[in-house]
Amino acid sequence: MIVAVSGAGGRMGSLVAQTVADTADLELGPLYDPLATGSVIAGTTVGDDPIALAGSDVVVEFTEPDVVMKNLNTWRDLKMSAVVGTSGFDATRIAALREQWGSGPPNCLIVPNFSIGAVVMMRLSEIAAPHFAAAEIIELHHDRKVDAPSGTAIATAERIAASADQRRALESTELIPGARGADAAGIPVHAVRLPGLVAHQQVLFGGVGETLTIRHDTTDRTAFMPGVVAAIRAVGGLETPVTVGLESVLGI
């Protein structure tokens, strides 16, 4: 299986390229990143021509929210399945992508978080939600992350909201706008950006006389690579043209 990487010059893109190169049943294909043209990653020179990726079986997309939709349209036209790690895919953007992508094959897999532990954390939050009155999310990332809140926080909030209604007895007045966090599907989300962090999230549930905290911490980006490899291997065989989440790959 030939695997191309879009956004290969970034922190995640370069790590994905090296991981693919080191994985026995995968072959590293062309690397694309207009911001890193000429760089050599995993023995391959990064280019700025998206058409050069033609012929690859899968492209892994780790770019930025303002270019990802255009890139995905190109990969669809080139008949490549896509594994997408770019943030910013809320319900509106996912709906737009489904309309843009159309029927498969090829397929597109949107993954808010490639960490297997984070996927388990989201599933546990979904299970807990009906048993508590309300929930809030605190997500913490490094200070170079391009967006807030994270895709993982948005996906977690949407899953909690789909499982249970929020039942708060009191809504505090914000003395400073934003103090109560952003509203994601009716769930308050608080985004922390600090140097020294990688990717962390805690989900706090409150009920009568008790609270529950579910927390996941990523301490190194290598934690994402088993999930990336699993997504690459699975994307071509998914049942729907556009799938969201690693859950379908992991079977949870």
C-alpha atoms as a PDB file:
ATOM      1  CA  MET A   1       0.000   0.000   0.000  1.00  0.00           C
ATOM      2  CA  ILE A   2       1.453   3.345  -1.062  1.00  0.00           C
ATOM      3  CA  VAL A   3       0.835   6.136   1.455  1.00  0.00           C
ATOM      4  CA  ALA A   4       1.315   9.828   0.660  1.00  0.00           C
ATOM      5  CA  VAL A   5       1.427  12.555   3.301  1.00  0.00           C
ATOM      6  CA  SER A   6      -0.070  16.041   2.953  1.00  0.00           C
ATOM      7  CA  GLY A   7       1.338  18.582   5.397  1.00  0.00           C
ATOM      8  CA  ALA A   8       4.514  16.533   5.609  1.00  0.00           C
ATOM      9  CA  GLY A   9       6.607  19.422   6.913  1.00  0.00           C
ATOM     10  CA  GLY A  10       4.606  19.831  10.116  1.00  0.00           C
ATOM     11  CA  ARG A  11       5.242  18.136  13.444  1.00  0.00           C
ATOM     12  CA  MET A  12       2.619  15.467  12.924  1.00  0.00           C
ATOM     13  CA  GLY A  13       3.085  15.145   9.172  1.00  0.00           C
ATOM     14  CA  SER A  14       6.801  14.482   9.436  1.00  0.00           C
ATOM     15  CA  LEU A  15       6.245  11.923  12.191  1.00  0.00           C
ATOM     16  CA  VAL A  16       3.613  10.164  10.077  1.00  0.00           C
ATOM     17  CA  ALA A  17       6.015  10.040   7.116  1.00  0.00           C
ATOM     18  CA  GLN A  18       8.761   8.454   9.208  1.00  0.00           C
ATOM     19  CA  THR A  19       6.306   5.995  10.781  1.00  0.00           C
ATOM     20  CA  VAL A  20       5.010   4.893   7.363  1.00  0.00           C
ATOM     21  CA  ALA A  21       8.579   4.479   6.117  1.00  0.00           C
ATOM     22  CA  ASP A  22       9.363   2.274   9.129  1.00  0.00           C
ATOM     23  CA  THR A  23       6.231   0.076   8.797  1.00  0.00           C
ATOM     24  CA  ALA A  24       6.893  -3.132   6.893  1.00  0.00           C
ATOM     25  CA  ASP A  25       3.568  -3.472   5.069  1.00  0.00           C
ATOM     26  CA  LEU A  26       3.366   0.213   4.033  1.00  0.00           C
ATOM     27  CA  GLU A  27       5.327   2.107   1.375  1.00  0.00           C
ATOM     28  CA  LEU A  28       5.985   5.824   1.771  1.00  0.00           C
ATOM     29  CA  GLY A  29       4.799   7.690  -1.306  1.00  0.00           C
ATOM     30  CA  PRO A  30       5.084  11.371  -2.274  1.00  0.00           C
ATOM     31  CA  LEU A  31       5.181  14.084   0.378  1.00  0.00           C
ATOM     32  CA  TYR A  32       3.283  17.337  -0.135  1.00  0.00           C
ATOM     33  CA  ASP A  33       3.667  20.622   1.736  1.00  0.00           C
ATOM     34  CA  PRO A  34       3.968  24.018  -0.016  1.00  0.00           C
ATOM     35  CA  LEU A  35       5.459  25.445   3.197  1.00  0.00           C
ATOM     36  CA  ALA A  36       8.275  22.882   3.333  1.00  0.00           C
ATOM     37  CA  THR A  37       9.181  22.375  -0.319  1.00  0.00           C
ATOM     38  CA  GLY A  38      12.627  20.864  -0.755  1.00  0.00           C
ATOM     39  CA  SER A  39      12.855  19.445   2.756  1.00  0.00           C
ATOM     40  CA  VAL A  40      13.883  15.809   3.012  1.00  0.00           C
ATOM     41  CA  ILE A  41      11.830  13.654   5.403  1.00  0.00           C
ATOM     42  CA  ALA A  42      12.319   9.919   5.787  1.00  0.00           C
ATOM     43  CA  GLY A  43      14.522   9.999   2.706  1.00  0.00           C
ATOM     44  CA  THR A  44      11.857  11.638   0.511  1.00  0.00           C
ATOM     45  CA  THR A  45      11.872  15.218  -0.783  1.00  0.00           C
ATOM     46  CA  VAL A  46       8.782  17.289  -0.015  1.00  0.00           C
ATOM     47  CA  GLY A  47       7.071  18.796  -3.072  1.00  0.00           C
ATOM     48  CA  ASP A  48       4.487  21.483  -3.738  1.00  0.00           C
ATOM     49  CA  ASP A  49       2.521  19.838  -6.564  1.00  0.00           C
ATOM     50  CA  PRO A  50      -0.572  17.991  -5.290  1.00  0.00           C
ATOM     51  CA  ILE A  51      -0.928  16.117  -8.579  1.00  0.00           C
ATOM     52  CA  ALA A  52       2.347  14.355  -7.801  1.00  0.00           C
ATOM     53  CA  LEU A  53       0.460  12.317  -5.177  1.00  0.00           C
ATOM     54  CA  ALA A  54      -1.570  10.565  -7.902  1.00  0.00           C
ATOM     55  CA  GLY A  55      -1.122   6.812  -7.834  1.00  0.00           C
ATOM     56  CA  SER A  56      -0.982   6.566  -4.047  1.00  0.00           C
ATOM     57  CA  ASP A  57      -3.549   4.366  -2.351  1.00  0.00           C
ATOM     58  CA  VAL A  58      -4.020   6.561   0.740  1.00  0.00           C
ATOM     59  CA  VAL A  59      -3.098  10.126   1.632  1.00  0.00           C
ATOM     60  CA  VAL A  60      -2.752  11.180   5.257  1.00  0.00           C
ATOM     61  CA  GLU A  61      -3.850  14.804   5.654  1.00  0.00           C
ATOM     62  CA  PHE A  62      -2.298  16.837   8.477  1.00  0.00           C
ATOM     63  CA  THR A  63      -2.664  20.443   7.338  1.00  0.00           C
ATOM     64  CA  GLU A  64      -4.718  23.407   8.574  1.00  0.00           C
ATOM     65  CA  PRO A  65      -8.467  24.047   8.664  1.00  0.00           C
ATOM     66  CA  ASP A  66      -8.366  26.766   6.001  1.00  0.00           C
ATOM     67  CA  VAL A  67      -6.909  24.478   3.296  1.00  0.00           C
ATOM     68  CA  VAL A  68      -8.135  21.017   4.226  1.00  0.00           C
ATOM     69  CA  MET A  69     -11.412  21.063   2.277  1.00  0.00           C
ATOM     70  CA  LYS A  70      -9.676  22.108  -0.939  1.00  0.00           C
ATOM     71  CA  ASN A  71      -7.043  19.424  -0.446  1.00  0.00           C
ATOM     72  CA  LEU A  72      -9.639  16.730   0.165  1.00  0.00           C
ATOM     73  CA  ASN A  73     -11.430  17.681  -3.023  1.00  0.00           C
ATOM     74  CA  THR A  74      -8.143  17.166  -4.887  1.00  0.00           C
ATOM     75  CA  TRP A  75      -7.481  13.773  -3.260  1.00  0.00           C
ATOM     76  CA  ARG A  76     -11.020  12.670  -4.121  1.00  0.00           C
ATOM     77  CA  ASP A  77     -10.478  13.660  -7.758  1.00  0.00           C
ATOM     78  CA  LEU A  78      -7.203  11.688  -7.756  1.00  0.00           C
ATOM     79  CA  LYS A  79      -9.109   8.638  -6.448  1.00  0.00           C
ATOM     80  CA  MET A  80      -7.126   8.347  -3.220  1.00  0.00           C
ATOM     81  CA  SER A  81      -8.656   7.405   0.114  1.00  0.00           C
ATOM     82  CA  ALA A  82      -7.895  10.002   2.784  1.00  0.00           C
ATOM     83  CA  VAL A  83      -7.123   9.763   6.484  1.00  0.00           C
ATOM     84  CA  VAL A  84      -7.621  13.207   8.011  1.00  0.00           C
ATOM     85  CA  GLY A  85      -6.046  14.454  11.230  1.00  0.00           C
ATOM     86  CA  THR A  86      -6.633  18.158  10.590  1.00  0.00           C
ATOM     87  CA  SER A  87      -8.720  19.823  13.323  1.00  0.00           C
ATOM     88  CA  GLY A  88     -11.860  21.904  12.885  1.00  0.00           C
ATOM     89  CA  PHE A  89     -14.342  19.274  11.705  1.00  0.00           C
ATOM     90  CA  ASP A  90     -17.532  20.198  13.541  1.00  0.00           C
ATOM     91  CA  ALA A  91     -20.951  18.895  12.491  1.00  0.00           C
ATOM     92  CA  THR A  92     -21.388  21.619   9.848  1.00  0.00           C
ATOM     93  CA  ARG A  93     -18.043  20.944   8.188  1.00  0.00           C
ATOM     94  CA  ILE A  94     -18.571  17.178   8.278  1.00  0.00           C
ATOM     95  CA  ALA A  95     -21.932  17.606   6.557  1.00  0.00           C
ATOM     96  CA  ALA A  96     -20.296  19.802   3.909  1.00  0.00           C
ATOM     97  CA  LEU A  97     -17.571  17.211   3.383  1.00  0.00           C
ATOM     98  CA  ARG A  98     -20.083  14.400   2.967  1.00  0.00           C
ATOM     99  CA  GLU A  99     -21.821  16.412   0.249  1.00  0.00           C
ATOM    100  CA  GLN A 100     -18.495  17.340  -1.381  1.00  0.00           C
ATOM    101  CA  TRP A 101     -17.021  13.829  -1.234  1.00  0.00           C
ATOM    102  CA  GLY A 102     -20.041  11.982  -2.595  1.00  0.00           C
ATOM    103  CA  SER A 103     -20.062   8.208  -2.918  1.00  0.00           C
ATOM    104  CA  GLY A 104     -17.078   5.917  -2.570  1.00  0.00           C
ATOM    105  CA  PRO A 105     -14.684   4.417  -3.213  1.00  0.00           C
ATOM    106  CA  PRO A 106     -12.345   6.056  -2.410  1.00  0.00           C
ATOM    107  CA  ASN A 107     -13.187   6.667   1.242  1.00  0.00           C
ATOM    108  CA  CYS A 108     -12.445   9.436   3.717  1.00  0.00           C
ATOM    109  CA  LEU A 109     -11.855   8.885   7.442  1.00  0.00           C
ATOM    110  CA  ILE A 110     -11.947  11.941   9.731  1.00  0.00           C
ATOM    111  CA  VAL A 111     -10.158  11.285  13.020  1.00  0.00           C
ATOM    112  CA  PRO A 112     -10.475  13.902  15.804  1.00  0.00           C
ATOM    113  CA  ASN A 113      -7.816  12.075  17.822  1.00  0.00           C
ATOM    114  CA  PHE A 114      -5.549   9.201  16.784  1.00  0.00           C
ATOM    115  CA  SER A 115      -4.714   8.272  20.379  1.00  0.00           C
ATOM    116  CA  ILE A 116      -6.335   4.967  21.254  1.00  0.00           C
ATOM    117  CA  GLY A 117      -6.547   6.098  24.884  1.00  0.00           C
ATOM    118  CA  ALA A 118      -8.405   9.257  23.836  1.00  0.00           C
ATOM    119  CA  VAL A 119     -10.913   7.205  21.850  1.00  0.00           C
ATOM    120  CA  VAL A 120     -11.556   5.068  24.923  1.00  0.00           C
ATOM    121  CA  MET A 121     -11.944   8.266  26.993  1.00  0.00           C
ATOM    122  CA  MET A 122     -14.630   9.548  24.603  1.00  0.00           C
ATOM    123  CA  ARG A 123     -16.484   6.242  24.714  1.00  0.00           C
ATOM    124  CA  LEU A 124     -16.401   6.169  28.526  1.00  0.00           C
ATOM    125  CA  SER A 125     -17.751   9.744  28.580  1.00  0.00           C
ATOM    126  CA  GLU A 126     -20.606   8.721  26.318  1.00  0.00           C
ATOM    127  CA  ILE A 127     -21.442   5.828  28.651  1.00  0.00           C
ATOM    128  CA  ALA A 128     -21.318   8.043  31.768  1.00  0.00           C
ATOM    129  CA  ALA A 129     -23.384  10.931  30.380  1.00  0.00           C
ATOM    130  CA  PRO A 130     -26.916   9.542  31.001  1.00  0.00           C
ATOM    131  CA  HIS A 131     -26.102   8.946  34.677  1.00  0.00           C
ATOM    132  CA  PHE A 132     -25.156  12.534  35.574  1.00  0.00           C
ATOM    133  CA  ALA A 133     -26.983  15.849  35.451  1.00  0.00           C
ATOM    134  CA  ALA A 134     -24.377  17.792  33.482  1.00  0.00           C
ATOM    135  CA  ALA A 135     -20.847  17.783  32.104  1.00  0.00           C
ATOM    136  CA  GLU A 136     -18.048  20.189  31.250  1.00  0.00           C
ATOM    137  CA  ILE A 137     -14.849  19.634  29.277  1.00  0.00           C
ATOM    138  CA  ILE A 138     -11.394  21.054  29.874  1.00  0.00           C
ATOM    139  CA  GLU A 139      -8.931  20.469  27.039  1.00  0.00           C
ATOM    140  CA  LEU A 140      -5.265  21.414  27.316  1.00  0.00           C
ATOM    141  CA  HIS A 141      -2.821  21.683  24.410  1.00  0.00           C
ATOM    142  CA  HIS A 142       0.524  23.207  23.480  1.00  0.00           C
ATOM    143  CA  ASP A 143       0.510  26.912  22.665  1.00  0.00           C
ATOM    144  CA  ARG A 144       1.202  26.391  18.941  1.00  0.00           C
ATOM    145  CA  LYS A 145      -2.038  24.566  18.256  1.00  0.00           C
ATOM    146  CA  VAL A 146      -3.816  26.457  15.496  1.00  0.00           C
ATOM    147  CA  ASP A 147      -7.400  26.158  16.741  1.00  0.00           C
ATOM    148  CA  ALA A 148      -9.552  26.012  19.850  1.00  0.00           C
ATOM    149  CA  PRO A 149     -11.418  24.082  21.033  1.00  0.00           C
ATOM    150  CA  SER A 150      -9.789  20.873  19.858  1.00  0.00           C
ATOM    151  CA  GLY A 151     -11.520  18.447  17.523  1.00  0.00           C
ATOM    152  CA  THR A 152     -11.469  15.880  20.315  1.00  0.00           C
ATOM    153  CA  ALA A 153     -13.310  18.236  22.678  1.00  0.00           C
ATOM    154  CA  ILE A 154     -15.944  19.010  20.056  1.00  0.00           C
ATOM    155  CA  ALA A 155     -16.445  15.323  19.272  1.00  0.00           C
ATOM    156  CA  THR A 156     -16.677  14.465  22.976  1.00  0.00           C
ATOM    157  CA  ALA A 157     -19.236  17.209  23.580  1.00  0.00           C
ATOM    158  CA  GLU A 158     -21.374  16.063  20.659  1.00  0.00           C
ATOM    159  CA  ARG A 159     -21.353  12.488  21.906  1.00  0.00           C
ATOM    160  CA  ILE A 160     -22.281  13.529  25.453  1.00  0.00           C
ATOM    161  CA  ALA A 161     -25.085  15.753  24.142  1.00  0.00           C
ATOM    162  CA  ALA A 162     -26.457  12.915  22.019  1.00  0.00           C
ATOM    163  CA  SER A 163     -26.522  10.624  25.072  1.00  0.00           C
ATOM    164  CA  ALA A 164     -28.126  12.922  27.659  1.00  0.00           C
ATOM    165  CA  ASP A 165     -29.691  16.348  28.253  1.00  0.00           C
ATOM    166  CA  GLN A 166     -27.858  18.843  30.450  1.00  0.00           C
ATOM    167  CA  ARG A 167     -29.767  19.589  33.683  1.00  0.00           C
ATOM    168  CA  ARG A 168     -28.133  22.490  35.498  1.00  0.00           C
ATOM    169  CA  ALA A 169     -30.029  24.202  38.302  1.00  0.00           C
ATOM    170  CA  LEU A 170     -28.225  27.528  37.894  1.00  0.00           C
ATOM    171  CA  GLU A 171     -26.543  29.378  35.029  1.00  0.00           C
ATOM    172  CA  SER A 172     -23.954  31.788  36.431  1.00  0.00           C
ATOM    173  CA  THR A 173     -23.713  35.320  35.052  1.00  0.00           C
ATOM    174  CA  GLU A 174     -20.402  35.858  33.282  1.00  0.00           C
ATOM    175  CA  LEU A 175     -18.621  38.842  34.797  1.00  0.00           C
ATOM    176  CA  ILE A 176     -15.996  38.439  32.083  1.00  0.00           C
ATOM    177  CA  PRO A 177     -17.175  37.137  28.659  1.00  0.00           C
ATOM    178  CA  GLY A 178     -15.995  33.598  28.076  1.00  0.00           C
ATOM    179  CA  ALA A 179     -15.589  32.709  31.737  1.00  0.00           C
ATOM    180  CA  ARG A 180     -18.086  29.858  31.397  1.00  0.00           C
ATOM    181  CA  GLY A 181     -16.313  28.460  28.349  1.00  0.00           C
ATOM    182  CA  ALA A 182     -17.411  27.953  24.767  1.00  0.00           C
ATOM    183  CA  ASP A 183     -20.668  26.201  23.925  1.00  0.00           C
ATOM    184  CA  ALA A 184     -20.126  22.940  22.033  1.00  0.00           C
ATOM    185  CA  ALA A 185     -23.441  21.139  21.509  1.00  0.00           C
ATOM    186  CA  GLY A 186     -24.635  22.665  24.788  1.00  0.00           C
ATOM    187  CA  ILE A 187     -21.574  21.475  26.731  1.00  0.00           C
ATOM    188  CA  PRO A 188     -19.191  24.122  28.155  1.00  0.00           C
ATOM    189  CA  VAL A 189     -15.665  23.607  26.795  1.00  0.00           C
ATOM    190  CA  HIS A 190     -12.609  25.339  28.238  1.00  0.00           C
ATOM    191  CA  ALA A 191      -9.439  25.454  26.106  1.00  0.00           C
ATOM    192  CA  VAL A 192      -6.040  25.863  27.789  1.00  0.00           C
ATOM    193  CA  ARG A 193      -2.970  26.677  25.658  1.00  0.00           C
ATOM    194  CA  LEU A 194       0.423  26.499  27.379  1.00  0.00           C
ATOM    195  CA  PRO A 195       3.991  25.632  26.418  1.00  0.00           C
ATOM    196  CA  GLY A 196       5.036  22.251  27.765  1.00  0.00           C
ATOM    197  CA  LEU A 197       1.688  20.576  27.081  1.00  0.00           C
ATOM    198  CA  VAL A 198       1.051  18.061  24.286  1.00  0.00           C
ATOM    199  CA  ALA A 199      -2.618  16.981  24.284  1.00  0.00           C
ATOM    200  CA  HIS A 200      -4.775  16.449  27.363  1.00  0.00           C
ATOM    201  CA  GLN A 201      -8.481  16.376  28.155  1.00  0.00           C
ATOM    202  CA  GLN A 202     -10.637  15.903  31.195  1.00  0.00           C
ATOM    203  CA  VAL A 203     -14.390  15.468  31.225  1.00  0.00           C
ATOM    204  CA  LEU A 204     -16.137  16.422  34.474  1.00  0.00           C
ATOM    205  CA  PHE A 205     -19.589  15.048  35.279  1.00  0.00           C
ATOM    206  CA  GLY A 206     -21.738  16.345  38.146  1.00  0.00           C
ATOM    207  CA  GLY A 207     -24.717  14.763  39.863  1.00  0.00           C
ATOM    208  CA  VAL A 208     -26.431  14.829  43.245  1.00  0.00           C
ATOM    209  CA  GLY A 209     -23.682  14.641  45.863  1.00  0.00           C
ATOM    210  CA  GLU A 210     -20.966  13.351  43.536  1.00  0.00           C
ATOM    211  CA  THR A 211     -18.730  14.071  40.560  1.00  0.00           C
ATOM    212  CA  LEU A 212     -16.860  11.897  38.093  1.00  0.00           C
ATOM    213  CA  THR A 213     -13.699  12.927  36.219  1.00  0.00           C
ATOM    214  CA  ILE A 214     -12.434  11.058  33.166  1.00  0.00           C
ATOM    215  CA  ARG A 215      -8.984  12.247  32.084  1.00  0.00           C
ATOM    216  CA  HIS A 216      -6.605  11.328  29.293  1.00  0.00           C
ATOM    217  CA  ASP A 217      -3.041  12.592  28.860  1.00  0.00           C
ATOM    218  CA  THR A 218      -0.808  12.348  25.818  1.00  0.00           C
ATOM    219  CA  THR A 219       2.809  12.928  26.797  1.00  0.00           C
ATOM    220  CA  ASP A 220       4.435  12.299  23.412  1.00  0.00           C
ATOM    221  CA  ARG A 221       3.162  12.501  19.810  1.00  0.00           C
ATOM    222  CA  THR A 222       4.344   8.968  19.143  1.00  0.00           C
ATOM    223  CA  ALA A 223       1.189   7.885  21.002  1.00  0.00           C
ATOM    224  CA  PHE A 224      -0.805   8.854  17.901  1.00  0.00           C
ATOM    225  CA  MET A 225       1.084   6.602  15.485  1.00  0.00           C
ATOM    226  CA  PRO A 226      -0.555   3.207  16.210  1.00  0.00           C
ATOM    227  CA  GLY A 227      -3.910   4.859  15.522  1.00  0.00           C
ATOM    228  CA  VAL A 228      -2.625   6.458  12.310  1.00  0.00           C
ATOM    229  CA  VAL A 229      -1.327   3.131  11.015  1.00  0.00           C
ATOM    230  CA  ALA A 230      -4.593   1.383  11.923  1.00  0.00           C
ATOM    231  CA  ALA A 231      -6.567   4.086  10.082  1.00  0.00           C
ATOM    232  CA  ILE A 232      -4.375   3.804   6.977  1.00  0.00           C
ATOM    233  CA  ARG A 233      -4.881   0.060   6.820  1.00  0.00           C
ATOM    234  CA  ALA A 234      -8.650   0.273   7.365  1.00  0.00           C
ATOM    235  CA  VAL A 235      -9.845   3.337   5.431  1.00  0.00           C
ATOM    236  CA  GLY A 236     -10.213   1.635   2.051  1.00  0.00           C
ATOM    237  CA  GLY A 237     -12.501  -1.042   3.483  1.00  0.00           C
ATOM    238  CA  LEU A 238     -14.891   1.173   5.456  1.00  0.00           C
ATOM    239  CA  GLU A 239     -18.580   0.788   4.665  1.00  0.00           C
ATOM    240  CA  THR A 240     -19.379   4.491   4.270  1.00  0.00           C
ATOM    241  CA  PRO A 241     -17.637   7.048   2.019  1.00  0.00           C
ATOM    242  CA  VAL A 242     -17.070   9.515   4.892  1.00  0.00           C
ATOM    243  CA  THR A 243     -16.550   8.104   8.379  1.00  0.00           C
ATOM    244  CA  VAL A 244     -15.825  10.035  11.577  1.00  0.00           C
ATOM    245  CA  GLY A 245     -13.738   8.645  14.423  1.00  0.00           C
ATOM    246  CA  LEU A 246     -11.295   5.847  15.048  1.00  0.00           C
ATOM    247  CA  GLU A 247     -14.049   3.887  16.808  1.00  0.00           C
ATOM    248  CA  SER A 248     -15.080   2.186  13.575  1.00  0.00           C
ATOM    249  CA  VAL A 249     -11.514   0.970  13.121  1.00  0.00           C
ATOM    250  CA  LEU A 250     -11.046  -0.179  16.719  1.00  0.00           C
ATOM    251  CA  GLY A 251     -14.502  -1.716  17.069  1.00  0.00           C
ATOM    252  CA  ILE A 252     -15.522   0.235  20.191  1.00  0.00           C
END
